[in-house]
Structures are given as structure tokens and as C-alpha cells.
Amino acid sequence: QVQFVESGGGLVQPGGSLRLSCAASGFTLGYLAIGWFRQAPGKEREGVSCISRSGRRQFWPYYADSVKGRVTISRDNDETTVYLQMNSLKPEDTAVYYCAVARRGCNEYKDQRTLDGWGQGTQVTVSS
């Protein structure tokens, strides 16, 4: 039942920006913790960011050191979509980006065993 559709990727030059979307298919996010992940060519999948909820309007972001200060994770008001605003993009950001539910919360979102609902991903390419 948990299923996501990722979109918003594309080709940008270094220093450019993209806004990725993670849309819930057939359900609302509620109190689920949602994470963004990426897999670059020849590398293993890594956690990028995560957003958790502790109240009706209280959301807490988590960021990997590799992207901290350059990206912002957020949710829409209708609780159907998680966004990842990416600025100051670097060639090393090139990867397929995925989102998934972190069943045990954002504090453990980098543990692949806790993740569910993968989509097909969206390609981000940063090149001049």
C-alpha cells in the first residue's frame, strides 16, 4: 500500500538548483517519517535527507553531511508530497534519487532495513 512516485530531476549545471518531489500514491503521509536517498554510478545507495513529524505542525529535518547547507526537505500542506530543494548543486550530486518511508524514524533512516515504499527514482545530473 505504501508507494511513492519521484519526479523533478533533470540536467543542471554546477551551482544550479532542482526541486525534487516525492508523491504518495493512494495515501497521506500522516506521522510517517520520509527519507530521500540517492545512488550514483558505481556507488551504493546513501541517505541524503529525512523529515519526521512530532506534532500536527512540527516537522524535523535531517541532512547528510554531504548536502547539509545546500538542501532543504519539506512537506506540502495536504500531506501527500515531500520535497527536496537542492541548491548549489555539484557534480558529485549526480545520482538517481529515491524516497521511502523510514519505519523506525529519521534517526535510523540510513539503515536500509527500515525503509519501505521505493519508487523508480528520478535522475539528477549535474554537469557543465
N, C-alpha and C. Protein backbone atom coordinates (compact mmCIF):
# COMPACT_ATOMS: atom_id res chain seq x y z
N GLN A 1 0.82 -1.20 0.00
CA GLN A 1 0.00 0.00 0.00
C GLN A 1 0.86 1.26 0.00
N VAL A 2 2.03 1.19 0.62
CA VAL A 2 2.93 2.33 0.65
C VAL A 2 3.69 2.38 -0.67
N GLN A 3 3.47 3.45 -1.43
CA GLN A 3 4.10 3.59 -2.74
C GLN A 3 4.33 5.07 -3.03
N PHE A 4 5.49 5.38 -3.59
CA PHE A 4 5.84 6.75 -3.93
C PHE A 4 6.18 6.88 -5.40
N VAL A 5 6.03 8.12 -5.91
CA VAL A 5 6.44 8.47 -7.25
C VAL A 5 7.37 9.67 -7.15
N GLU A 6 8.62 9.50 -7.58
CA GLU A 6 9.60 10.57 -7.54
C GLU A 6 9.62 11.32 -8.87
N SER A 7 9.83 12.63 -8.81
CA SER A 7 9.90 13.44 -10.02
C SER A 7 10.70 14.70 -9.73
N GLY A 8 10.97 15.47 -10.78
CA GLY A 8 11.64 16.75 -10.63
C GLY A 8 13.11 16.77 -11.00
N GLY A 9 13.68 15.61 -11.30
CA GLY A 9 15.08 15.56 -11.68
C GLY A 9 15.31 16.14 -13.06
N GLY A 10 16.58 16.27 -13.42
CA GLY A 10 16.93 16.80 -14.71
C GLY A 10 18.40 17.09 -14.81
N LEU A 11 18.78 17.75 -15.88
CA LEU A 11 20.16 18.13 -16.14
C LEU A 11 20.36 19.60 -15.77
N VAL A 12 21.32 19.86 -14.89
CA VAL A 12 21.63 21.22 -14.48
C VAL A 12 23.13 21.41 -14.45
N GLN A 13 23.56 22.66 -14.56
CA GLN A 13 24.97 22.99 -14.46
C GLN A 13 25.39 23.11 -13.00
N PRO A 14 26.67 22.94 -12.70
CA PRO A 14 27.13 23.14 -11.33
C PRO A 14 26.70 24.50 -10.80
N GLY A 15 26.22 24.51 -9.57
CA GLY A 15 25.71 25.73 -8.97
C GLY A 15 24.23 25.94 -9.19
N GLY A 16 23.61 25.12 -10.01
CA GLY A 16 22.19 25.23 -10.29
C GLY A 16 21.33 24.62 -9.20
N SER A 17 20.01 24.64 -9.43
CA SER A 17 19.05 24.17 -8.43
C SER A 17 18.02 23.26 -9.06
N LEU A 18 17.49 22.36 -8.24
CA LEU A 18 16.38 21.49 -8.60
C LEU A 18 15.48 21.31 -7.40
N ARG A 19 14.21 21.07 -7.65
CA ARG A 19 13.26 20.75 -6.60
C ARG A 19 12.66 19.38 -6.90
N LEU A 20 13.03 18.39 -6.11
CA LEU A 20 12.53 17.04 -6.29
C LEU A 20 11.23 16.85 -5.52
N SER A 21 10.33 16.05 -6.07
CA SER A 21 9.06 15.75 -5.42
C SER A 21 8.92 14.26 -5.18
N CYS A 22 8.37 13.92 -4.03
CA CYS A 22 8.08 12.54 -3.65
C CYS A 22 6.60 12.49 -3.33
N ALA A 23 5.81 11.97 -4.25
CA ALA A 23 4.36 11.99 -4.11
C ALA A 23 3.84 10.64 -3.62
N ALA A 24 3.04 10.68 -2.56
CA ALA A 24 2.41 9.47 -2.04
C ALA A 24 1.29 9.05 -2.99
N SER A 25 1.24 7.77 -3.27
CA SER A 25 0.24 7.23 -4.18
C SER A 25 -0.84 6.51 -3.38
N GLY A 26 -2.03 7.12 -3.28
CA GLY A 26 -3.16 6.48 -2.63
C GLY A 26 -3.20 6.56 -1.12
N PHE A 27 -2.40 7.42 -0.52
CA PHE A 27 -2.43 7.58 0.94
C PHE A 27 -1.86 8.93 1.31
N THR A 28 -2.07 9.34 2.55
CA THR A 28 -1.49 10.56 3.08
C THR A 28 -0.34 10.22 4.01
N LEU A 29 0.55 11.18 4.19
CA LEU A 29 1.78 10.91 4.92
C LEU A 29 1.57 10.76 6.42
N GLY A 30 0.62 11.50 6.98
CA GLY A 30 0.35 11.40 8.41
C GLY A 30 1.59 11.66 9.25
N TYR A 31 1.91 10.74 10.15
CA TYR A 31 3.06 10.86 11.02
C TYR A 31 4.25 10.04 10.53
N LEU A 32 4.22 9.61 9.28
CA LEU A 32 5.32 8.84 8.72
C LEU A 32 6.57 9.70 8.58
N ALA A 33 7.71 9.10 8.84
CA ALA A 33 9.00 9.71 8.55
C ALA A 33 9.40 9.33 7.14
N ILE A 34 9.76 10.32 6.32
CA ILE A 34 10.07 10.09 4.92
C ILE A 34 11.50 10.52 4.64
N GLY A 35 12.25 9.66 3.97
CA GLY A 35 13.63 9.95 3.65
C GLY A 35 13.89 10.03 2.16
N TRP A 36 14.90 10.81 1.79
CA TRP A 36 15.42 10.88 0.44
C TRP A 36 16.76 10.16 0.39
N PHE A 37 17.00 9.44 -0.69
CA PHE A 37 18.20 8.64 -0.87
C PHE A 37 18.69 8.82 -2.30
N ARG A 38 19.94 8.47 -2.53
CA ARG A 38 20.48 8.57 -3.88
C ARG A 38 21.49 7.46 -4.13
N GLN A 39 21.62 7.11 -5.40
CA GLN A 39 22.59 6.11 -5.80
C GLN A 39 23.30 6.61 -7.05
N ALA A 40 24.58 6.87 -6.92
CA ALA A 40 25.40 7.33 -8.03
C ALA A 40 26.01 6.13 -8.75
N PRO A 41 26.41 6.30 -10.00
CA PRO A 41 27.02 5.19 -10.74
C PRO A 41 28.23 4.63 -10.00
N GLY A 42 28.25 3.32 -9.82
CA GLY A 42 29.35 2.66 -9.17
C GLY A 42 29.40 2.80 -7.66
N LYS A 43 28.37 3.41 -7.06
CA LYS A 43 28.34 3.59 -5.63
C LYS A 43 27.09 2.96 -5.03
N GLU A 44 27.14 2.72 -3.73
CA GLU A 44 25.99 2.19 -3.02
C GLU A 44 25.00 3.30 -2.70
N ARG A 45 23.76 2.91 -2.47
CA ARG A 45 22.73 3.88 -2.12
C ARG A 45 23.03 4.51 -0.77
N GLU A 46 22.85 5.83 -0.67
CA GLU A 46 23.13 6.54 0.56
C GLU A 46 21.97 7.44 0.96
N GLY A 47 21.83 7.65 2.24
CA GLY A 47 20.82 8.56 2.74
C GLY A 47 21.22 10.00 2.51
N VAL A 48 20.27 10.83 2.11
CA VAL A 48 20.51 12.24 1.83
C VAL A 48 19.83 13.12 2.85
N SER A 49 18.56 12.86 3.11
CA SER A 49 17.77 13.70 4.00
C SER A 49 16.56 12.93 4.50
N CYS A 50 15.95 13.42 5.56
CA CYS A 50 14.77 12.79 6.13
C CYS A 50 13.96 13.84 6.86
N ILE A 51 12.64 13.65 6.90
CA ILE A 51 11.78 14.57 7.64
C ILE A 51 10.81 13.77 8.50
N SER A 52 10.75 14.11 9.78
CA SER A 52 9.87 13.45 10.73
C SER A 52 8.86 14.45 11.30
N ARG A 53 7.83 13.91 11.94
CA ARG A 53 6.75 14.73 12.49
C ARG A 53 6.52 14.36 13.94
N SER A 54 6.50 15.38 14.80
CA SER A 54 6.27 15.16 16.23
C SER A 54 4.99 15.80 16.73
N GLY A 55 4.29 16.52 15.89
CA GLY A 55 3.04 17.17 16.22
C GLY A 55 2.29 17.49 14.96
N ARG A 56 1.13 18.14 15.10
CA ARG A 56 0.32 18.45 13.94
C ARG A 56 1.05 19.33 12.94
N ARG A 57 1.87 20.24 13.43
CA ARG A 57 2.60 21.15 12.57
C ARG A 57 4.09 21.21 12.89
N GLN A 58 4.60 20.20 13.60
CA GLN A 58 6.01 20.18 13.96
C GLN A 58 6.75 19.15 13.12
N PHE A 59 7.66 19.62 12.29
CA PHE A 59 8.44 18.76 11.42
C PHE A 59 9.92 18.99 11.65
N TRP A 60 10.68 17.90 11.63
CA TRP A 60 12.10 17.95 11.95
C TRP A 60 12.92 17.37 10.81
N PRO A 61 13.84 18.17 10.27
CA PRO A 61 14.65 17.70 9.15
C PRO A 61 15.98 17.09 9.58
N TYR A 62 16.47 16.16 8.79
CA TYR A 62 17.78 15.56 8.97
C TYR A 62 18.51 15.64 7.63
N TYR A 63 19.83 15.89 7.68
CA TYR A 63 20.60 16.02 6.46
C TYR A 63 21.93 15.30 6.58
N ALA A 64 22.33 14.66 5.49
CA ALA A 64 23.66 14.07 5.44
C ALA A 64 24.70 15.18 5.34
N ASP A 65 25.89 14.92 5.86
CA ASP A 65 26.94 15.93 5.83
C ASP A 65 27.28 16.38 4.41
N SER A 66 27.12 15.50 3.45
CA SER A 66 27.48 15.81 2.07
C SER A 66 26.58 16.86 1.43
N VAL A 67 25.38 17.07 1.98
CA VAL A 67 24.44 18.01 1.39
C VAL A 67 24.00 19.10 2.35
N LYS A 68 24.40 19.01 3.59
CA LYS A 68 23.96 19.95 4.62
C LYS A 68 24.33 21.38 4.22
N GLY A 69 23.36 22.27 4.33
CA GLY A 69 23.56 23.65 3.95
C GLY A 69 23.18 23.96 2.52
N ARG A 70 22.98 22.93 1.71
CA ARG A 70 22.64 23.12 0.30
C ARG A 70 21.25 22.63 -0.06
N VAL A 71 20.63 21.84 0.81
CA VAL A 71 19.32 21.27 0.52
C VAL A 71 18.36 21.55 1.66
N THR A 72 17.06 21.54 1.32
CA THR A 72 16.00 21.72 2.30
C THR A 72 14.90 20.72 2.02
N ILE A 73 14.53 19.95 3.03
CA ILE A 73 13.44 19.00 2.89
C ILE A 73 12.18 19.59 3.52
N SER A 74 11.02 19.33 2.91
CA SER A 74 9.77 19.87 3.40
C SER A 74 8.60 19.00 2.96
N ARG A 75 7.43 19.26 3.53
CA ARG A 75 6.19 18.57 3.16
C ARG A 75 5.15 19.58 2.74
N ASP A 76 4.23 19.17 1.87
CA ASP A 76 3.16 20.06 1.48
C ASP A 76 2.06 20.05 2.53
N ASN A 77 1.17 21.05 2.47
CA ASN A 77 0.13 21.18 3.48
C ASN A 77 -0.94 20.09 3.39
N ASP A 78 -1.08 19.48 2.23
CA ASP A 78 -2.07 18.42 2.06
C ASP A 78 -1.55 17.06 2.48
N GLU A 79 -0.30 16.98 2.91
CA GLU A 79 0.33 15.76 3.42
C GLU A 79 0.36 14.63 2.40
N THR A 80 0.64 15.00 1.16
CA THR A 80 0.75 14.00 0.11
C THR A 80 2.13 13.97 -0.54
N THR A 81 2.93 15.01 -0.32
CA THR A 81 4.18 15.13 -1.04
C THR A 81 5.31 15.63 -0.14
N VAL A 82 6.48 15.05 -0.31
CA VAL A 82 7.70 15.51 0.33
C VAL A 82 8.61 16.09 -0.75
N TYR A 83 9.19 17.24 -0.48
CA TYR A 83 10.05 17.91 -1.44
C TYR A 83 11.50 17.93 -0.96
N LEU A 84 12.40 18.00 -1.92
CA LEU A 84 13.81 18.20 -1.62
C LEU A 84 14.32 19.31 -2.52
N GLN A 85 14.46 20.50 -1.95
CA GLN A 85 15.01 21.64 -2.68
C GLN A 85 16.52 21.55 -2.64
N MET A 86 17.15 21.48 -3.80
CA MET A 86 18.59 21.30 -3.90
C MET A 86 19.20 22.52 -4.58
N ASN A 87 20.09 23.19 -3.88
CA ASN A 87 20.77 24.37 -4.40
C ASN A 87 22.27 24.13 -4.44
N SER A 88 22.97 25.00 -5.15
CA SER A 88 24.43 24.91 -5.25
C SER A 88 24.87 23.50 -5.60
N LEU A 89 24.24 22.93 -6.59
CA LEU A 89 24.49 21.54 -6.95
C LEU A 89 25.91 21.34 -7.47
N LYS A 90 26.46 20.18 -7.13
CA LYS A 90 27.81 19.81 -7.51
C LYS A 90 27.78 18.56 -8.38
N PRO A 91 28.81 18.34 -9.18
CA PRO A 91 28.85 17.11 -10.00
C PRO A 91 28.69 15.84 -9.17
N GLU A 92 29.20 15.83 -7.95
CA GLU A 92 29.08 14.66 -7.10
C GLU A 92 27.66 14.41 -6.60
N ASP A 93 26.74 15.34 -6.86
CA ASP A 93 25.33 15.13 -6.55
C ASP A 93 24.63 14.31 -7.62
N THR A 94 25.30 14.05 -8.72
CA THR A 94 24.71 13.26 -9.80
C THR A 94 24.37 11.86 -9.32
N ALA A 95 23.10 11.49 -9.45
CA ALA A 95 22.64 10.20 -8.97
C ALA A 95 21.17 10.04 -9.31
N VAL A 96 20.65 8.84 -9.11
CA VAL A 96 19.21 8.62 -9.13
C VAL A 96 18.71 8.81 -7.71
N TYR A 97 17.72 9.65 -7.54
CA TYR A 97 17.20 9.98 -6.22
C TYR A 97 15.88 9.26 -5.96
N TYR A 98 15.78 8.67 -4.77
CA TYR A 98 14.61 7.91 -4.37
C TYR A 98 14.08 8.44 -3.04
N CYS A 99 12.83 8.15 -2.76
CA CYS A 99 12.27 8.42 -1.44
C CYS A 99 11.64 7.15 -0.89
N ALA A 100 11.51 7.08 0.43
CA ALA A 100 10.96 5.90 1.08
C ALA A 100 10.53 6.24 2.50
N VAL A 101 9.69 5.39 3.06
CA VAL A 101 9.28 5.52 4.45
C VAL A 101 10.38 4.97 5.35
N ALA A 102 10.73 5.73 6.38
CA ALA A 102 11.65 5.26 7.40
C ALA A 102 10.81 4.76 8.57
N ARG A 103 10.58 3.47 8.62
CA ARG A 103 9.63 2.89 9.57
C ARG A 103 10.02 3.12 11.02
N ARG A 104 11.30 3.27 11.29
CA ARG A 104 11.77 3.48 12.66
C ARG A 104 12.18 4.92 12.93
N GLY A 105 11.76 5.83 12.06
CA GLY A 105 12.03 7.23 12.27
C GLY A 105 13.30 7.71 11.59
N CYS A 106 13.47 9.02 11.52
CA CYS A 106 14.60 9.59 10.82
C CYS A 106 15.93 9.35 11.51
N ASN A 107 15.93 9.08 12.79
CA ASN A 107 17.18 8.82 13.48
C ASN A 107 17.83 7.53 13.01
N GLU A 108 17.07 6.67 12.34
CA GLU A 108 17.60 5.42 11.80
C GLU A 108 17.36 5.31 10.30
N TYR A 109 17.16 6.40 9.61
CA TYR A 109 16.76 6.34 8.20
C TYR A 109 17.86 5.83 7.29
N LYS A 110 19.10 5.86 7.73
CA LYS A 110 20.21 5.35 6.92
C LYS A 110 20.34 3.84 7.00
N ASP A 111 19.56 3.20 7.85
CA ASP A 111 19.53 1.75 7.93
C ASP A 111 18.58 1.24 6.86
N GLN A 112 19.11 0.64 5.81
CA GLN A 112 18.32 0.21 4.67
C GLN A 112 17.21 -0.77 5.05
N ARG A 113 17.40 -1.50 6.14
CA ARG A 113 16.42 -2.49 6.56
C ARG A 113 15.13 -1.88 7.06
N THR A 114 15.13 -0.59 7.38
CA THR A 114 13.96 0.08 7.94
C THR A 114 13.14 0.81 6.89
N LEU A 115 13.52 0.75 5.62
CA LEU A 115 12.91 1.56 4.58
C LEU A 115 11.91 0.78 3.75
N ASP A 116 10.89 1.48 3.27
CA ASP A 116 9.83 0.84 2.51
C ASP A 116 9.19 1.84 1.56
N GLY A 117 8.62 1.35 0.46
CA GLY A 117 7.85 2.18 -0.46
C GLY A 117 8.64 2.81 -1.59
N TRP A 118 9.78 2.25 -1.95
CA TRP A 118 10.62 2.81 -3.01
C TRP A 118 9.85 3.01 -4.31
N GLY A 119 10.10 4.15 -4.96
CA GLY A 119 9.61 4.36 -6.31
C GLY A 119 10.69 4.00 -7.31
N GLN A 120 10.53 4.45 -8.55
CA GLN A 120 11.52 4.17 -9.58
C GLN A 120 12.65 5.19 -9.62
N GLY A 121 12.52 6.25 -8.86
CA GLY A 121 13.57 7.25 -8.76
C GLY A 121 13.50 8.30 -9.85
N THR A 122 14.23 9.40 -9.64
CA THR A 122 14.34 10.46 -10.62
C THR A 122 15.81 10.82 -10.79
N GLN A 123 16.24 10.96 -12.04
CA GLN A 123 17.65 11.18 -12.35
C GLN A 123 18.03 12.64 -12.18
N VAL A 124 19.09 12.88 -11.42
CA VAL A 124 19.69 14.20 -11.29
C VAL A 124 21.08 14.14 -11.89
N THR A 125 21.34 14.99 -12.86
CA THR A 125 22.65 15.06 -13.49
C THR A 125 23.18 16.48 -13.39
N VAL A 126 24.34 16.63 -12.78
CA VAL A 126 24.97 17.94 -12.62
C VAL A 126 26.25 17.93 -13.44
N SER A 127 26.26 18.68 -14.51
CA SER A 127 27.40 18.66 -15.43
C SER A 127 27.45 19.96 -16.22
N SER A 128 28.66 20.38 -16.55
CA SER A 128 28.86 21.54 -17.39
C SER A 128 29.17 21.13 -18.82
